[in-house]
Amino acid sequence: MTMLIGVSQRRTILKLAALALAVPARALQAPEVGSPEKRPAECACPPSDAERTTKAPLTVEEHLALVERYRRKAAEYRKEADEHRKMLAGYRRDAAVFPNKSGREFPWFTKLRQRCEGYIQRADALADEADRFAEFHRMRARELQGE
């Protein structure tokens, strides 16, 4: 059984065949993975060890530096949380000066309170997490010192 194809279908097939012959075989191959010079810029290949800028701490000094870094971060997070607590208290005083006739919170204050409380909660959680990281690196530094 032979199939009859139309003129437009024949042209499409011929165009595709010509295109396939025109594309060099090298362009169809996967790019070489290796040094950055050989890798195309758009390649999503993971970086090699030489290209990595962040490395795991190996020495006592590196661990102690991370302890300080995480302690500073925890202090910054706690400072942010305290600033938002003070802001929220100020807005609460302002909202109390102009009471709502219905006796409930103003809708704008409800939204603000929820956002501030959420921010405070997340900042406190980040501070606690930073403290745990600092404690871990302090423990690793002591282990490396032989304590």
C-alpha atoms as a PDB file:
ATOM      1  CA  MET A   1       0.000   0.000   0.000  1.00  0.00           C
ATOM      2  CA  THR A   2       1.538   3.242  -1.041  1.00  0.00           C
ATOM      3  CA  MET A   3       0.790   6.524   0.628  1.00  0.00           C
ATOM      4  CA  LEU A   4       0.273   9.583  -1.413  1.00  0.00           C
ATOM      5  CA  ILE A   5       1.538  12.789   0.141  1.00  0.00           C
ATOM      6  CA  GLY A   6       0.742  16.281  -0.930  1.00  0.00           C
ATOM      7  CA  VAL A   7       3.109  18.807  -2.439  1.00  0.00           C
ATOM      8  CA  SER A   8       3.296  20.895   0.774  1.00  0.00           C
ATOM      9  CA  GLN A   9       4.175  17.828   2.844  1.00  0.00           C
ATOM     10  CA  ARG A  10       6.883  16.896   0.330  1.00  0.00           C
ATOM     11  CA  ARG A  11       8.374  20.407   0.573  1.00  0.00           C
ATOM     12  CA  THR A  12       8.403  20.226   4.383  1.00  0.00           C
ATOM     13  CA  ILE A  13      10.184  16.886   4.327  1.00  0.00           C
ATOM     14  CA  LEU A  14      12.768  18.189   1.866  1.00  0.00           C
ATOM     15  CA  LYS A  15      13.379  21.306   3.982  1.00  0.00           C
ATOM     16  CA  LEU A  16      13.903  19.210   7.108  1.00  0.00           C
ATOM     17  CA  ALA A  17      16.282  16.882   5.265  1.00  0.00           C
ATOM     18  CA  ALA A  18      18.280  19.816   3.938  1.00  0.00           C
ATOM     19  CA  LEU A  19      18.448  21.350   7.389  1.00  0.00           C
ATOM     20  CA  ALA A  20      19.640  18.077   8.896  1.00  0.00           C
ATOM     21  CA  LEU A  21      22.432  17.875   6.348  1.00  0.00           C
ATOM     22  CA  ALA A  22      23.415  21.514   6.888  1.00  0.00           C
ATOM     23  CA  VAL A  23      23.920  21.192  10.675  1.00  0.00           C
ATOM     24  CA  PRO A  24      27.472  20.042  11.400  1.00  0.00           C
ATOM     25  CA  ALA A  25      27.760  16.871  13.453  1.00  0.00           C
ATOM     26  CA  ARG A  26      29.933  18.719  15.976  1.00  0.00           C
ATOM     27  CA  ALA A  27      27.046  21.008  16.916  1.00  0.00           C
ATOM     28  CA  LEU A  28      24.929  18.023  17.884  1.00  0.00           C
ATOM     29  CA  GLN A  29      27.502  16.664  20.340  1.00  0.00           C
ATOM     30  CA  ALA A  30      27.319  17.436  24.049  1.00  0.00           C
ATOM     31  CA  PRO A  31      29.701  20.205  25.167  1.00  0.00           C
ATOM     32  CA  GLU A  32      32.919  19.181  26.856  1.00  0.00           C
ATOM     33  CA  VAL A  33      32.873  19.468  30.613  1.00  0.00           C
ATOM     34  CA  GLY A  34      36.085  20.649  32.155  1.00  0.00           C
ATOM     35  CA  SER A  35      37.780  23.945  32.702  1.00  0.00           C
ATOM     36  CA  PRO A  36      35.753  27.165  32.431  1.00  0.00           C
ATOM     37  CA  GLU A  37      37.381  28.008  29.086  1.00  0.00           C
ATOM     38  CA  LYS A  38      36.019  24.850  27.496  1.00  0.00           C
ATOM     39  CA  ARG A  39      32.590  25.203  29.070  1.00  0.00           C
ATOM     40  CA  PRO A  40      30.010  27.402  27.376  1.00  0.00           C
ATOM     41  CA  ALA A  41      28.748  30.291  29.503  1.00  0.00           C
ATOM     42  CA  GLU A  42      25.199  28.975  29.515  1.00  0.00           C
ATOM     43  CA  CYS A  43      26.226  25.522  30.817  1.00  0.00           C
ATOM     44  CA  ALA A  44      24.679  24.681  34.171  1.00  0.00           C
ATOM     45  CA  CYS A  45      27.493  22.286  35.083  1.00  0.00           C
ATOM     46  CA  PRO A  46      28.554  22.247  38.739  1.00  0.00           C
ATOM     47  CA  PRO A  47      31.795  24.118  39.445  1.00  0.00           C
ATOM     48  CA  SER A  48      35.011  22.166  39.867  1.00  0.00           C
ATOM     49  CA  ASP A  49      36.924  22.155  43.160  1.00  0.00           C
ATOM     50  CA  ALA A  50      39.294  24.838  41.843  1.00  0.00           C
ATOM     51  CA  GLU A  51      36.344  27.098  40.964  1.00  0.00           C
ATOM     52  CA  ARG A  52      34.616  26.798  44.321  1.00  0.00           C
ATOM     53  CA  THR A  53      35.030  29.802  46.577  1.00  0.00           C
ATOM     54  CA  THR A  54      33.313  28.382  49.654  1.00  0.00           C
ATOM     55  CA  LYS A  55      35.078  25.487  51.295  1.00  0.00           C
ATOM     56  CA  ALA A  56      34.413  23.593  54.481  1.00  0.00           C
ATOM     57  CA  PRO A  57      36.486  24.826  57.418  1.00  0.00           C
ATOM     58  CA  LEU A  58      39.365  22.499  58.212  1.00  0.00           C
ATOM     59  CA  THR A  59      41.487  24.311  60.795  1.00  0.00           C
ATOM     60  CA  VAL A  60      40.824  25.555  64.307  1.00  0.00           C
ATOM     61  CA  GLU A  61      41.213  29.156  63.137  1.00  0.00           C
ATOM     62  CA  GLU A  62      38.635  28.709  60.384  1.00  0.00           C
ATOM     63  CA  HIS A  63      36.139  27.231  62.834  1.00  0.00           C
ATOM     64  CA  LEU A  64      36.723  30.027  65.348  1.00  0.00           C
ATOM     65  CA  ALA A  65      36.254  32.619  62.600  1.00  0.00           C
ATOM     66  CA  LEU A  66      32.899  31.041  61.801  1.00  0.00           C
ATOM     67  CA  VAL A  67      31.970  31.113  65.494  1.00  0.00           C
ATOM     68  CA  GLU A  68      32.494  34.888  65.490  1.00  0.00           C
ATOM     69  CA  ARG A  69      30.634  35.299  62.218  1.00  0.00           C
ATOM     70  CA  TYR A  70      27.592  33.384  63.471  1.00  0.00           C
ATOM     71  CA  ARG A  71      27.644  35.235  66.813  1.00  0.00           C
ATOM     72  CA  ARG A  72      27.559  38.559  64.931  1.00  0.00           C
ATOM     73  CA  LYS A  73      24.699  37.332  62.754  1.00  0.00           C
ATOM     74  CA  ALA A  74      22.728  36.208  65.802  1.00  0.00           C
ATOM     75  CA  ALA A  75      23.229  39.628  67.410  1.00  0.00           C
ATOM     76  CA  GLU A  76      22.051  41.360  64.213  1.00  0.00           C
ATOM     77  CA  TYR A  77      18.943  39.176  64.006  1.00  0.00           C
ATOM     78  CA  ARG A  78      18.112  39.889  67.654  1.00  0.00           C
ATOM     79  CA  LYS A  79      18.618  43.620  67.078  1.00  0.00           C
ATOM     80  CA  GLU A  80      16.213  43.491  64.103  1.00  0.00           C
ATOM     81  CA  ALA A  81      13.636  41.624  66.183  1.00  0.00           C
ATOM     82  CA  ASP A  82      13.939  44.175  69.006  1.00  0.00           C
ATOM     83  CA  GLU A  83      13.528  47.078  66.564  1.00  0.00           C
ATOM     84  CA  HIS A  84      10.334  45.518  65.232  1.00  0.00           C
ATOM     85  CA  ARG A  85       9.054  44.916  68.764  1.00  0.00           C
ATOM     86  CA  LYS A  86       9.562  48.631  69.497  1.00  0.00           C
ATOM     87  CA  MET A  87       7.871  49.613  66.225  1.00  0.00           C
ATOM     88  CA  LEU A  88       4.931  47.378  66.995  1.00  0.00           C
ATOM     89  CA  ALA A  89       4.618  48.845  70.492  1.00  0.00           C
ATOM     90  CA  GLY A  90       4.623  52.365  69.003  1.00  0.00           C
ATOM     91  CA  TYR A  91       1.898  51.482  66.514  1.00  0.00           C
ATOM     92  CA  ARG A  92      -0.071  49.813  69.299  1.00  0.00           C
ATOM     93  CA  ARG A  93       0.063  53.074  71.314  1.00  0.00           C
ATOM     94  CA  ASP A  94      -0.992  55.076  68.250  1.00  0.00           C
ATOM     95  CA  ALA A  95      -3.895  52.733  67.583  1.00  0.00           C
ATOM     96  CA  ALA A  96      -5.019  53.018  71.221  1.00  0.00           C
ATOM     97  CA  VAL A  97      -5.145  56.832  70.984  1.00  0.00           C
ATOM     98  CA  PHE A  98      -7.729  56.637  68.204  1.00  0.00           C
ATOM     99  CA  PRO A  99      -9.989  53.762  69.209  1.00  0.00           C
ATOM    100  CA  ASN A 100     -12.066  51.990  66.610  1.00  0.00           C
ATOM    101  CA  LYS A 101     -15.818  52.510  67.036  1.00  0.00           C
ATOM    102  CA  SER A 102     -16.478  48.779  66.735  1.00  0.00           C
ATOM    103  CA  GLY A 103     -14.069  48.011  69.588  1.00  0.00           C
ATOM    104  CA  ARG A 104     -11.900  45.781  67.401  1.00  0.00           C
ATOM    105  CA  GLU A 105      -8.476  46.418  65.941  1.00  0.00           C
ATOM    106  CA  PHE A 106      -8.226  48.596  62.902  1.00  0.00           C
ATOM    107  CA  PRO A 107      -7.781  46.427  59.788  1.00  0.00           C
ATOM    108  CA  TRP A 108      -4.502  48.190  58.946  1.00  0.00           C
ATOM    109  CA  PHE A 109      -3.203  47.508  62.451  1.00  0.00           C
ATOM    110  CA  THR A 110      -4.197  43.842  62.267  1.00  0.00           C
ATOM    111  CA  LYS A 111      -2.191  43.421  59.047  1.00  0.00           C
ATOM    112  CA  LEU A 112       0.760  45.342  60.460  1.00  0.00           C
ATOM    113  CA  ARG A 113       0.709  43.389  63.732  1.00  0.00           C
ATOM    114  CA  GLN A 114       0.624  40.053  61.919  1.00  0.00           C
ATOM    115  CA  ARG A 115       3.523  41.020  59.656  1.00  0.00           C
ATOM    116  CA  CYS A 116       5.623  42.384  62.524  1.00  0.00           C
ATOM    117  CA  GLU A 117       4.956  39.361  64.722  1.00  0.00           C
ATOM    118  CA  GLY A 118       5.877  37.033  61.868  1.00  0.00           C
ATOM    119  CA  TYR A 119       9.062  38.990  61.173  1.00  0.00           C
ATOM    120  CA  ILE A 120       9.987  38.964  64.864  1.00  0.00           C
ATOM    121  CA  GLN A 121       9.373  35.229  65.071  1.00  0.00           C
ATOM    122  CA  ARG A 122      11.518  34.505  62.003  1.00  0.00           C
ATOM    123  CA  ALA A 123      14.324  36.819  63.153  1.00  0.00           C
ATOM    124  CA  ASP A 124      14.385  35.110  66.560  1.00  0.00           C
ATOM    125  CA  ALA A 125      14.465  31.694  64.869  1.00  0.00           C
ATOM    126  CA  LEU A 126      17.375  32.794  62.653  1.00  0.00           C
ATOM    127  CA  ALA A 127      19.225  34.094  65.704  1.00  0.00           C
ATOM    128  CA  ASP A 128      18.732  30.768  67.486  1.00  0.00           C
ATOM    129  CA  GLU A 129      19.916  28.898  64.386  1.00  0.00           C
ATOM    130  CA  ALA A 130      23.003  31.113  64.130  1.00  0.00           C
ATOM    131  CA  ASP A 131      23.747  30.386  67.808  1.00  0.00           C
ATOM    132  CA  ARG A 132      23.500  26.647  67.115  1.00  0.00           C
ATOM    133  CA  PHE A 133      25.892  26.982  64.170  1.00  0.00           C
ATOM    134  CA  ALA A 134      28.314  28.948  66.342  1.00  0.00           C
ATOM    135  CA  GLU A 135      28.148  26.287  69.044  1.00  0.00           C
ATOM    136  CA  PHE A 136      28.771  23.547  66.479  1.00  0.00           C
ATOM    137  CA  HIS A 137      31.864  25.292  65.123  1.00  0.00           C
ATOM    138  CA  ARG A 138      33.117  25.959  68.658  1.00  0.00           C
ATOM    139  CA  MET A 139      32.740  22.238  69.384  1.00  0.00           C
ATOM    140  CA  ARG A 140      34.627  21.326  66.169  1.00  0.00           C
ATOM    141  CA  ALA A 141      37.434  23.765  67.044  1.00  0.00           C
ATOM    142  CA  ARG A 142      37.775  22.137  70.482  1.00  0.00           C
ATOM    143  CA  GLU A 143      37.838  18.681  68.893  1.00  0.00           C
ATOM    144  CA  LEU A 144      40.624  19.752  66.550  1.00  0.00           C
ATOM    145  CA  GLN A 145      42.569  21.191  69.479  1.00  0.00           C
ATOM    146  CA  GLY A 146      42.303  17.808  71.200  1.00  0.00           C
ATOM    147  CA  GLU A 147      39.991  18.829  74.001  1.00  0.00           C
END
